[in-house]
Amino acid sequence: MKINKIFFITLLVNLSISILSFVAIATKINRVNTNELSTDRLQFTSHLYVSITNDNFFYSNSKLDNYIAYHKIHDSNVLIVRYSQMDCRSCIDFITSKISFFFPNYNNTPQIVFMVSDVTSGHAPNLNNIIILDKNEHPNIPADEFRSPYLMIYQHGVIKHLFIPSTDNPDVFETYIQSIKSRYFQT
């Protein structure tokens, strides 16, 4: 009988601690600006969805194929930086600054390709490794509908590791670039 009372009291104490812990956690969560939290989650979720739906996606572009043939990098993984000059200028600058930091010689590295569209006359980026796309050559992949710069690995007509960076989360983008560099660009 005494053991039953001790067991019952222990059970009540544990239940009380669990309820108090739940209440404490719930009140801390409510102190966070829920609009900020939900906006960040929405952006992260949409980027994750776009990345997943474009992974192992088949893509063909004659200019890219010619570029790869010219540079004799058929069996290489190619990092493609895809953007339109109509995209957010600070987003493009953010990406190119990170690329230049992690790949200081990126302009002379044929395995890093900039695929740019909507280039106005006389305003093409001054890069050795650029492919300028005409209006009918835009990639027909879901990520292109996002209207934001993105990166991906391309090999033998297959897209993998597509990533849409956010200027709000530079650490995540740096982690992506470091991962890509260590996996595909070790010399």
N, C-alpha and C. Protein backbone atom coordinates (compact mmCIF):
# COMPACT_ATOMS: atom_id res chain seq x y z
N MET A 1 0.82 -1.19 0.00
CA MET A 1 0.00 0.00 0.00
C MET A 1 0.86 1.26 0.00
N LYS A 2 1.94 1.23 0.80
CA LYS A 2 2.83 2.35 0.88
C LYS A 2 3.54 2.57 -0.46
N ILE A 3 3.88 1.49 -1.15
CA ILE A 3 4.54 1.56 -2.46
C ILE A 3 3.60 2.19 -3.48
N ASN A 4 2.32 1.87 -3.43
CA ASN A 4 1.34 2.46 -4.34
C ASN A 4 1.23 3.96 -4.15
N LYS A 5 1.26 4.42 -2.87
CA LYS A 5 1.19 5.85 -2.60
C LYS A 5 2.43 6.57 -3.13
N ILE A 6 3.60 5.98 -2.92
CA ILE A 6 4.86 6.58 -3.40
C ILE A 6 4.84 6.64 -4.93
N PHE A 7 4.40 5.57 -5.56
CA PHE A 7 4.31 5.52 -7.03
C PHE A 7 3.34 6.59 -7.53
N PHE A 8 2.19 6.73 -6.88
CA PHE A 8 1.18 7.70 -7.27
C PHE A 8 1.71 9.14 -7.11
N ILE A 9 2.40 9.41 -6.02
CA ILE A 9 2.96 10.75 -5.78
C ILE A 9 4.04 11.06 -6.83
N THR A 10 4.88 10.09 -7.11
CA THR A 10 5.93 10.26 -8.12
C THR A 10 5.31 10.55 -9.49
N LEU A 11 4.26 9.84 -9.81
CA LEU A 11 3.56 10.04 -11.06
C LEU A 11 2.96 11.45 -11.14
N LEU A 12 2.36 11.93 -10.08
CA LEU A 12 1.81 13.28 -10.04
C LEU A 12 2.89 14.35 -10.18
N VAL A 13 4.01 14.15 -9.51
CA VAL A 13 5.11 15.10 -9.58
C VAL A 13 5.64 15.17 -11.02
N ASN A 14 5.84 14.01 -11.66
CA ASN A 14 6.33 13.98 -13.05
C ASN A 14 5.33 14.64 -14.00
N LEU A 15 4.06 14.39 -13.80
CA LEU A 15 3.03 15.00 -14.62
C LEU A 15 3.02 16.51 -14.44
N SER A 16 3.16 16.97 -13.22
CA SER A 16 3.20 18.42 -12.94
C SER A 16 4.41 19.07 -13.59
N ILE A 17 5.56 18.43 -13.52
CA ILE A 17 6.78 18.97 -14.14
C ILE A 17 6.60 19.04 -15.66
N SER A 18 6.01 18.02 -16.25
CA SER A 18 5.78 18.00 -17.70
C SER A 18 4.84 19.13 -18.12
N ILE A 19 3.78 19.33 -17.38
CA ILE A 19 2.83 20.39 -17.70
C ILE A 19 3.48 21.76 -17.55
N LEU A 20 4.22 21.98 -16.49
CA LEU A 20 4.91 23.26 -16.29
C LEU A 20 5.95 23.50 -17.38
N SER A 21 6.67 22.48 -17.78
CA SER A 21 7.66 22.61 -18.85
C SER A 21 6.98 23.00 -20.16
N PHE A 22 5.86 22.35 -20.46
CA PHE A 22 5.12 22.65 -21.68
C PHE A 22 4.64 24.10 -21.66
N VAL A 23 4.12 24.56 -20.54
CA VAL A 23 3.64 25.94 -20.43
C VAL A 23 4.80 26.91 -20.60
N ALA A 24 5.94 26.62 -20.00
CA ALA A 24 7.10 27.51 -20.12
C ALA A 24 7.58 27.60 -21.57
N ILE A 25 7.65 26.48 -22.26
CA ILE A 25 8.07 26.46 -23.66
C ILE A 25 7.07 27.20 -24.53
N ALA A 26 5.79 26.98 -24.29
CA ALA A 26 4.74 27.61 -25.09
C ALA A 26 4.76 29.13 -24.93
N THR A 27 5.02 29.62 -23.73
CA THR A 27 5.04 31.08 -23.54
C THR A 27 6.28 31.69 -24.18
N LYS A 28 7.41 30.98 -24.21
CA LYS A 28 8.61 31.50 -24.88
C LYS A 28 8.38 31.57 -26.38
N ILE A 29 7.73 30.60 -26.96
CA ILE A 29 7.46 30.59 -28.40
C ILE A 29 6.55 31.75 -28.76
N ASN A 30 5.59 32.05 -27.93
CA ASN A 30 4.65 33.13 -28.23
C ASN A 30 5.31 34.50 -28.17
N ARG A 31 6.46 34.61 -27.48
CA ARG A 31 7.14 35.89 -27.41
C ARG A 31 7.84 36.24 -28.72
N VAL A 32 8.13 35.22 -29.55
CA VAL A 32 8.76 35.46 -30.84
C VAL A 32 7.72 36.07 -31.77
N ASN A 33 8.15 37.02 -32.58
CA ASN A 33 7.25 37.63 -33.55
C ASN A 33 6.80 36.55 -34.53
N THR A 34 5.56 36.15 -34.44
CA THR A 34 5.07 35.03 -35.25
C THR A 34 5.07 35.36 -36.74
N ASN A 35 4.91 36.63 -37.11
CA ASN A 35 4.98 36.99 -38.53
C ASN A 35 6.37 36.75 -39.09
N GLU A 36 7.41 37.15 -38.33
CA GLU A 36 8.78 36.92 -38.76
C GLU A 36 9.04 35.43 -38.88
N LEU A 37 8.64 34.68 -37.86
CA LEU A 37 8.88 33.25 -37.83
C LEU A 37 8.18 32.56 -38.99
N SER A 38 6.95 32.90 -39.24
CA SER A 38 6.22 32.23 -40.31
C SER A 38 6.75 32.65 -41.68
N THR A 39 7.21 33.89 -41.84
CA THR A 39 7.78 34.33 -43.10
C THR A 39 9.08 33.58 -43.38
N ASP A 40 9.93 33.45 -42.37
CA ASP A 40 11.18 32.71 -42.54
C ASP A 40 10.90 31.25 -42.88
N ARG A 41 9.96 30.67 -42.19
CA ARG A 41 9.61 29.27 -42.47
C ARG A 41 9.04 29.11 -43.87
N LEU A 42 8.21 30.04 -44.29
CA LEU A 42 7.63 29.97 -45.62
C LEU A 42 8.71 30.08 -46.69
N GLN A 43 9.62 31.02 -46.51
CA GLN A 43 10.71 31.19 -47.47
C GLN A 43 11.59 29.94 -47.49
N PHE A 44 11.96 29.44 -46.33
CA PHE A 44 12.80 28.24 -46.26
C PHE A 44 12.10 27.04 -46.89
N THR A 45 10.82 26.88 -46.57
CA THR A 45 10.06 25.75 -47.11
C THR A 45 9.93 25.83 -48.62
N SER A 46 9.66 27.03 -49.14
CA SER A 46 9.52 27.16 -50.59
C SER A 46 10.85 26.91 -51.28
N HIS A 47 11.96 27.40 -50.72
CA HIS A 47 13.27 27.14 -51.30
C HIS A 47 13.59 25.66 -51.25
N LEU A 48 13.28 25.02 -50.14
CA LEU A 48 13.53 23.59 -50.02
C LEU A 48 12.70 22.81 -51.02
N TYR A 49 11.44 23.18 -51.18
CA TYR A 49 10.58 22.51 -52.15
C TYR A 49 11.12 22.64 -53.57
N VAL A 50 11.52 23.85 -53.94
CA VAL A 50 12.06 24.08 -55.28
C VAL A 50 13.34 23.28 -55.47
N SER A 51 14.18 23.23 -54.46
CA SER A 51 15.42 22.47 -54.56
C SER A 51 15.15 20.99 -54.76
N ILE A 52 14.22 20.45 -54.00
CA ILE A 52 13.90 19.03 -54.10
C ILE A 52 13.27 18.70 -55.44
N THR A 53 12.36 19.54 -55.92
CA THR A 53 11.68 19.24 -57.18
C THR A 53 12.60 19.38 -58.38
N ASN A 54 13.74 20.02 -58.23
CA ASN A 54 14.68 20.16 -59.33
C ASN A 54 15.86 19.20 -59.24
N ASP A 55 15.98 18.45 -58.18
CA ASP A 55 17.09 17.52 -58.04
C ASP A 55 16.90 16.34 -58.98
N ASN A 56 17.96 15.93 -59.65
CA ASN A 56 17.95 14.85 -60.63
C ASN A 56 16.99 15.15 -61.78
N PHE A 57 16.92 16.39 -62.14
CA PHE A 57 16.07 16.86 -63.23
C PHE A 57 16.92 16.86 -64.50
N PHE A 58 16.38 16.37 -65.59
CA PHE A 58 17.10 16.37 -66.86
C PHE A 58 16.96 17.74 -67.51
N TYR A 59 18.08 18.24 -68.00
CA TYR A 59 18.11 19.57 -68.61
C TYR A 59 19.04 19.54 -69.81
N SER A 60 18.61 20.15 -70.87
CA SER A 60 19.43 20.22 -72.08
C SER A 60 19.44 21.64 -72.60
N ASN A 61 20.64 22.12 -72.93
CA ASN A 61 20.80 23.45 -73.50
C ASN A 61 21.96 23.38 -74.48
N SER A 62 21.74 23.74 -75.71
CA SER A 62 22.77 23.61 -76.74
C SER A 62 23.98 24.50 -76.43
N LYS A 63 23.76 25.70 -75.91
CA LYS A 63 24.89 26.58 -75.58
C LYS A 63 25.74 25.98 -74.46
N LEU A 64 25.09 25.39 -73.47
CA LEU A 64 25.82 24.74 -72.39
C LEU A 64 26.58 23.53 -72.92
N ASP A 65 25.93 22.74 -73.76
CA ASP A 65 26.60 21.57 -74.34
C ASP A 65 27.82 21.99 -75.17
N ASN A 66 27.69 23.06 -75.95
CA ASN A 66 28.82 23.56 -76.75
C ASN A 66 29.94 24.07 -75.85
N TYR A 67 29.58 24.75 -74.78
CA TYR A 67 30.57 25.26 -73.83
C TYR A 67 31.35 24.09 -73.22
N ILE A 68 30.63 23.06 -72.79
CA ILE A 68 31.27 21.89 -72.18
C ILE A 68 32.17 21.18 -73.19
N ALA A 69 31.72 21.05 -74.44
CA ALA A 69 32.54 20.41 -75.47
C ALA A 69 33.79 21.24 -75.76
N TYR A 70 33.64 22.55 -75.86
CA TYR A 70 34.77 23.44 -76.15
C TYR A 70 35.84 23.34 -75.06
N HIS A 71 35.42 23.29 -73.81
CA HIS A 71 36.36 23.25 -72.69
C HIS A 71 36.78 21.83 -72.30
N LYS A 72 36.24 20.85 -73.01
CA LYS A 72 36.58 19.43 -72.77
C LYS A 72 36.36 19.03 -71.30
N ILE A 73 35.19 19.36 -70.80
CA ILE A 73 34.86 19.03 -69.40
C ILE A 73 33.63 18.11 -69.35
N HIS A 74 33.55 17.18 -70.30
CA HIS A 74 32.40 16.27 -70.42
C HIS A 74 32.14 15.49 -69.14
N ASP A 75 33.19 15.02 -68.50
CA ASP A 75 33.01 14.18 -67.31
C ASP A 75 33.09 14.95 -66.01
N SER A 76 33.16 16.25 -66.10
CA SER A 76 33.25 17.08 -64.90
C SER A 76 31.87 17.49 -64.41
N ASN A 77 31.79 17.71 -63.13
CA ASN A 77 30.61 18.35 -62.55
C ASN A 77 30.79 19.85 -62.73
N VAL A 78 29.78 20.51 -63.25
CA VAL A 78 29.85 21.93 -63.54
C VAL A 78 28.92 22.67 -62.58
N LEU A 79 29.47 23.68 -61.91
CA LEU A 79 28.65 24.53 -61.05
C LEU A 79 28.07 25.63 -61.92
N ILE A 80 26.75 25.66 -62.00
CA ILE A 80 26.07 26.68 -62.79
C ILE A 80 25.48 27.71 -61.85
N VAL A 81 25.81 28.96 -62.11
CA VAL A 81 25.21 30.09 -61.40
C VAL A 81 24.22 30.69 -62.38
N ARG A 82 22.95 30.54 -62.10
CA ARG A 82 21.89 30.96 -63.03
C ARG A 82 21.17 32.19 -62.49
N TYR A 83 21.11 33.23 -63.32
CA TYR A 83 20.34 34.40 -62.94
C TYR A 83 19.93 35.19 -64.17
N SER A 84 18.96 36.02 -63.96
CA SER A 84 18.51 36.97 -64.97
C SER A 84 18.96 38.35 -64.51
N GLN A 85 19.30 39.21 -65.45
CA GLN A 85 19.69 40.55 -65.03
C GLN A 85 18.48 41.36 -64.56
N MET A 86 17.30 40.76 -64.66
CA MET A 86 16.10 41.38 -64.11
C MET A 86 15.91 41.02 -62.63
N ASP A 87 16.71 40.05 -62.14
CA ASP A 87 16.61 39.64 -60.74
C ASP A 87 17.16 40.73 -59.83
N CYS A 88 16.92 40.55 -58.57
CA CYS A 88 17.38 41.48 -57.54
C CYS A 88 18.90 41.69 -57.66
N ARG A 89 19.31 42.92 -57.87
CA ARG A 89 20.74 43.23 -58.08
C ARG A 89 21.58 42.87 -56.85
N SER A 90 21.06 43.16 -55.67
CA SER A 90 21.83 42.85 -54.46
C SER A 90 21.95 41.33 -54.27
N CYS A 91 20.95 40.57 -54.75
CA CYS A 91 21.02 39.10 -54.67
C CYS A 91 22.12 38.56 -55.59
N ILE A 92 22.20 39.13 -56.79
CA ILE A 92 23.24 38.72 -57.75
C ILE A 92 24.62 39.07 -57.19
N ASP A 93 24.75 40.29 -56.66
CA ASP A 93 26.03 40.71 -56.08
C ASP A 93 26.41 39.84 -54.89
N PHE A 94 25.44 39.46 -54.09
CA PHE A 94 25.67 38.58 -52.94
C PHE A 94 26.27 37.25 -53.41
N ILE A 95 25.65 36.66 -54.43
CA ILE A 95 26.12 35.37 -54.94
C ILE A 95 27.52 35.50 -55.53
N THR A 96 27.72 36.49 -56.38
CA THR A 96 29.03 36.61 -57.03
C THR A 96 30.13 36.93 -56.02
N SER A 97 29.82 37.67 -54.98
CA SER A 97 30.85 37.95 -53.97
C SER A 97 31.23 36.68 -53.21
N LYS A 98 30.25 35.84 -52.91
CA LYS A 98 30.55 34.58 -52.22
C LYS A 98 31.32 33.62 -53.14
N ILE A 99 30.93 33.58 -54.41
CA ILE A 99 31.65 32.73 -55.38
C ILE A 99 33.10 33.19 -55.47
N SER A 100 33.32 34.50 -55.58
CA SER A 100 34.69 35.01 -55.70
C SER A 100 35.49 34.77 -54.41
N PHE A 101 34.83 34.74 -53.27
CA PHE A 101 35.53 34.46 -52.02
C PHE A 101 35.97 33.00 -51.94
N PHE A 102 35.05 32.08 -52.27
CA PHE A 102 35.36 30.65 -52.16
C PHE A 102 36.13 30.10 -53.36
N PHE A 103 35.99 30.76 -54.51
CA PHE A 103 36.70 30.38 -55.72
C PHE A 103 37.39 31.63 -56.29
N PRO A 104 38.54 32.01 -55.71
CA PRO A 104 39.19 33.26 -56.13
C PRO A 104 39.50 33.32 -57.63
N ASN A 105 39.72 32.18 -58.26
CA ASN A 105 40.05 32.14 -59.67
C ASN A 105 38.85 31.68 -60.51
N TYR A 106 37.64 31.99 -60.05
CA TYR A 106 36.42 31.47 -60.69
C TYR A 106 36.27 31.91 -62.14
N ASN A 107 36.76 33.07 -62.49
CA ASN A 107 36.61 33.58 -63.85
C ASN A 107 37.41 32.76 -64.86
N ASN A 108 38.40 32.04 -64.39
CA ASN A 108 39.22 31.19 -65.26
C ASN A 108 39.02 29.71 -64.97
N THR A 109 37.95 29.39 -64.30
CA THR A 109 37.63 28.00 -64.00
C THR A 109 36.46 27.58 -64.87
N PRO A 110 36.70 26.77 -65.93
CA PRO A 110 35.60 26.43 -66.85
C PRO A 110 34.48 25.62 -66.20
N GLN A 111 34.74 24.98 -65.05
CA GLN A 111 33.69 24.20 -64.37
C GLN A 111 32.73 25.07 -63.59
N ILE A 112 32.95 26.37 -63.58
CA ILE A 112 32.00 27.32 -62.98
C ILE A 112 31.46 28.17 -64.11
N VAL A 113 30.17 28.05 -64.36
CA VAL A 113 29.55 28.72 -65.51
C VAL A 113 28.43 29.65 -65.02
N PHE A 114 28.41 30.84 -65.56
CA PHE A 114 27.33 31.78 -65.29
C PHE A 114 26.38 31.76 -66.47
N MET A 115 25.15 31.33 -66.24
CA MET A 115 24.12 31.34 -67.28
C MET A 115 23.22 32.53 -67.00
N VAL A 116 23.30 33.53 -67.88
CA VAL A 116 22.63 34.81 -67.64
C VAL A 116 21.62 35.07 -68.75
N SER A 117 20.47 35.56 -68.35
CA SER A 117 19.45 35.92 -69.34
C SER A 117 19.03 37.38 -69.14
N ASP A 118 18.23 37.85 -70.07
CA ASP A 118 17.71 39.23 -70.03
C ASP A 118 18.82 40.27 -69.99
N VAL A 119 19.86 40.00 -70.76
CA VAL A 119 21.00 40.92 -70.82
C VAL A 119 20.66 42.05 -71.78
N THR A 120 20.77 43.25 -71.29
CA THR A 120 20.52 44.41 -72.16
C THR A 120 21.76 44.69 -72.99
N SER A 121 21.59 45.27 -74.11
CA SER A 121 22.66 45.54 -75.06
C SER A 121 23.80 46.31 -74.38
N GLY A 122 25.00 45.75 -74.49
CA GLY A 122 26.18 46.41 -73.93
C GLY A 122 26.37 46.23 -72.45
N HIS A 123 25.52 45.47 -71.77
CA HIS A 123 25.63 45.31 -70.33
C HIS A 123 25.91 43.86 -69.91
N ALA A 124 26.55 43.09 -70.77
CA ALA A 124 26.88 41.71 -70.44
C ALA A 124 27.99 41.69 -69.40
N PRO A 125 27.89 40.83 -68.41
CA PRO A 125 28.97 40.71 -67.42
C PRO A 125 30.28 40.36 -68.11
N ASN A 126 31.37 40.90 -67.62
CA ASN A 126 32.68 40.66 -68.20
C ASN A 126 33.30 39.41 -67.57
N LEU A 127 32.89 38.25 -68.05
CA LEU A 127 33.37 36.99 -67.53
C LEU A 127 33.82 36.10 -68.69
N ASN A 128 34.80 35.24 -68.42
CA ASN A 128 35.25 34.27 -69.42
C ASN A 128 34.30 33.08 -69.51
N ASN A 129 33.63 32.80 -68.44
CA ASN A 129 32.82 31.59 -68.34
C ASN A 129 31.33 31.94 -68.24
N ILE A 130 30.86 32.65 -69.23
CA ILE A 130 29.47 33.09 -69.23
C ILE A 130 28.75 32.54 -70.46
N ILE A 131 27.51 32.17 -70.25
CA ILE A 131 26.62 31.78 -71.34
C ILE A 131 25.43 32.72 -71.27
N ILE A 132 25.23 33.48 -72.33
CA ILE A 132 24.10 34.41 -72.37
C ILE A 132 22.95 33.70 -73.07
N LEU A 133 21.84 33.59 -72.36
CA LEU A 133 20.68 32.88 -72.87
C LEU A 133 19.71 33.85 -73.56
N ASP A 134 19.20 33.42 -74.70
CA ASP A 134 18.13 34.16 -75.36
C ASP A 134 16.82 33.84 -74.65
N LYS A 135 15.77 34.58 -74.97
CA LYS A 135 14.47 34.38 -74.31
C LYS A 135 13.94 32.95 -74.46
N ASN A 136 14.18 32.33 -75.61
CA ASN A 136 13.67 30.97 -75.82
C ASN A 136 14.59 29.89 -75.25
N GLU A 137 15.69 30.28 -74.61
CA GLU A 137 16.64 29.31 -74.07
C GLU A 137 16.61 29.22 -72.55
N HIS A 138 15.71 29.90 -71.92
CA HIS A 138 15.64 29.84 -70.46
C HIS A 138 15.39 28.39 -70.04
N PRO A 139 16.00 27.98 -68.94
CA PRO A 139 15.76 26.61 -68.47
C PRO A 139 14.28 26.40 -68.16
N ASN A 140 13.76 25.33 -68.63
CA ASN A 140 12.35 25.01 -68.38
C ASN A 140 12.26 24.12 -67.14
N ILE A 141 12.71 24.67 -66.03
CA ILE A 141 12.68 23.95 -64.76
C ILE A 141 11.94 24.80 -63.74
N PRO A 142 11.35 24.17 -62.74
CA PRO A 142 10.57 24.94 -61.75
C PRO A 142 11.34 26.05 -61.05
N ALA A 143 12.62 25.88 -60.83
CA ALA A 143 13.40 26.91 -60.12
C ALA A 143 13.44 28.22 -60.89
N ASP A 144 13.37 28.16 -62.20
CA ASP A 144 13.44 29.37 -63.00
C ASP A 144 12.20 30.24 -62.82
N GLU A 145 11.10 29.64 -62.42
CA GLU A 145 9.88 30.39 -62.17
C GLU A 145 9.96 31.20 -60.88
N PHE A 146 10.93 30.88 -60.05
CA PHE A 146 11.09 31.55 -58.76
C PHE A 146 11.57 32.99 -58.92
N ARG A 147 12.17 33.30 -60.06
CA ARG A 147 12.69 34.63 -60.40
C ARG A 147 13.70 35.13 -59.36
N SER A 148 14.60 34.22 -59.02
CA SER A 148 15.66 34.53 -58.08
C SER A 148 16.91 33.78 -58.53
N PRO A 149 18.10 34.33 -58.33
CA PRO A 149 19.31 33.62 -58.72
C PRO A 149 19.43 32.29 -57.98
N TYR A 150 19.99 31.30 -58.64
CA TYR A 150 20.20 30.00 -58.00
C TYR A 150 21.45 29.34 -58.55
N LEU A 151 21.88 28.30 -57.86
CA LEU A 151 23.05 27.54 -58.26
C LEU A 151 22.67 26.08 -58.36
N MET A 152 23.43 25.34 -59.16
CA MET A 152 23.19 23.91 -59.30
C MET A 152 24.43 23.25 -59.86
N ILE A 153 24.52 21.96 -59.64
CA ILE A 153 25.56 21.16 -60.26
C ILE A 153 24.95 20.48 -61.47
N TYR A 154 25.69 20.46 -62.56
CA TYR A 154 25.21 19.88 -63.82
C TYR A 154 26.26 18.88 -64.31
N GLN A 155 25.79 17.70 -64.68
CA GLN A 155 26.68 16.72 -65.31
C GLN A 155 25.85 15.78 -66.18
N HIS A 156 26.30 15.60 -67.41
CA HIS A 156 25.64 14.69 -68.36
C HIS A 156 24.14 14.93 -68.46
N GLY A 157 23.72 16.18 -68.47
CA GLY A 157 22.32 16.52 -68.66
C GLY A 157 21.45 16.42 -67.41
N VAL A 158 22.06 16.20 -66.26
CA VAL A 158 21.31 16.06 -65.01
C VAL A 158 21.67 17.18 -64.04
N ILE A 159 20.64 17.79 -63.48
CA ILE A 159 20.80 18.84 -62.46
C ILE A 159 20.74 18.17 -61.09
N LYS A 160 21.67 18.56 -60.23
CA LYS A 160 21.62 18.09 -58.85
C LYS A 160 22.10 19.20 -57.93
N HIS A 161 21.74 19.09 -56.69
CA HIS A 161 22.13 20.05 -55.64
C HIS A 161 21.73 21.49 -55.97
N LEU A 162 20.55 21.67 -56.51
CA LEU A 162 20.07 23.01 -56.80
C LEU A 162 19.87 23.76 -55.48
N PHE A 163 20.26 25.02 -55.46
CA PHE A 163 20.16 25.80 -54.23
C PHE A 163 19.81 27.24 -54.57
N ILE A 164 18.81 27.78 -53.88
CA ILE A 164 18.42 29.18 -54.04
C ILE A 164 18.86 29.91 -52.77
N PRO A 165 19.95 30.67 -52.87
CA PRO A 165 20.45 31.36 -51.68
C PRO A 165 19.57 32.53 -51.27
N SER A 166 19.65 32.85 -50.01
CA SER A 166 18.93 33.99 -49.47
C SER A 166 19.95 34.92 -48.80
N THR A 167 19.86 36.19 -49.11
CA THR A 167 20.76 37.16 -48.49
C THR A 167 20.53 37.25 -46.98
N ASP A 168 19.37 36.79 -46.52
CA ASP A 168 19.07 36.81 -45.09
C ASP A 168 19.79 35.70 -44.33
N ASN A 169 20.27 34.69 -45.05
CA ASN A 169 20.93 33.54 -44.41
C ASN A 169 22.27 33.26 -45.09
N PRO A 170 23.24 34.15 -44.95
CA PRO A 170 24.53 33.94 -45.63
C PRO A 170 25.27 32.69 -45.13
N ASP A 171 25.08 32.32 -43.87
CA ASP A 171 25.75 31.13 -43.34
C ASP A 171 25.31 29.86 -44.06
N VAL A 172 24.04 29.78 -44.39
CA VAL A 172 23.52 28.61 -45.09
C VAL A 172 24.15 28.55 -46.49
N PHE A 173 24.22 29.68 -47.16
CA PHE A 173 24.82 29.72 -48.49
C PHE A 173 26.30 29.35 -48.43
N GLU A 174 27.02 29.87 -47.44
CA GLU A 174 28.44 29.54 -47.29
C GLU A 174 28.63 28.05 -47.04
N THR A 175 27.75 27.45 -46.26
CA THR A 175 27.83 26.01 -46.02
C THR A 175 27.61 25.24 -47.32
N TYR A 176 26.64 25.68 -48.12
CA TYR A 176 26.39 25.06 -49.42
C TYR A 176 27.63 25.15 -50.30
N ILE A 177 28.21 26.34 -50.43
CA ILE A 177 29.37 26.54 -51.28
C ILE A 177 30.56 25.70 -50.80
N GLN A 178 30.78 25.67 -49.49
CA GLN A 178 31.87 24.86 -48.95
C GLN A 178 31.67 23.38 -49.26
N SER A 179 30.43 22.94 -49.14
CA SER A 179 30.11 21.54 -49.45
C SER A 179 30.36 21.24 -50.92
N ILE A 180 29.90 22.10 -51.80
CA ILE A 180 30.10 21.91 -53.24
C ILE A 180 31.59 21.94 -53.58
N LYS A 181 32.30 22.87 -52.98
CA LYS A 181 33.73 22.99 -53.26
C LYS A 181 34.50 21.75 -52.80
N SER A 182 34.21 21.28 -51.61
CA SER A 182 34.93 20.10 -51.11
C SER A 182 34.54 18.83 -51.86
N ARG A 183 33.33 18.78 -52.34
CA ARG A 183 32.86 17.56 -53.03
C ARG A 183 33.28 17.51 -54.50
N TYR A 184 33.24 18.65 -55.18
CA TYR A 184 33.44 18.66 -56.64
C TYR A 184 34.66 19.42 -57.14
N PHE A 185 35.31 20.23 -56.30
CA PHE A 185 36.36 21.09 -56.79
C PHE A 185 37.69 20.90 -56.05
N GLN A 186 37.95 19.74 -55.53
CA GLN A 186 39.23 19.47 -54.89
C GLN A 186 40.26 19.13 -55.96
N THR A 187 41.40 19.77 -55.88
CA THR A 187 42.45 19.53 -56.89
C THR A 187 43.66 18.88 -56.29
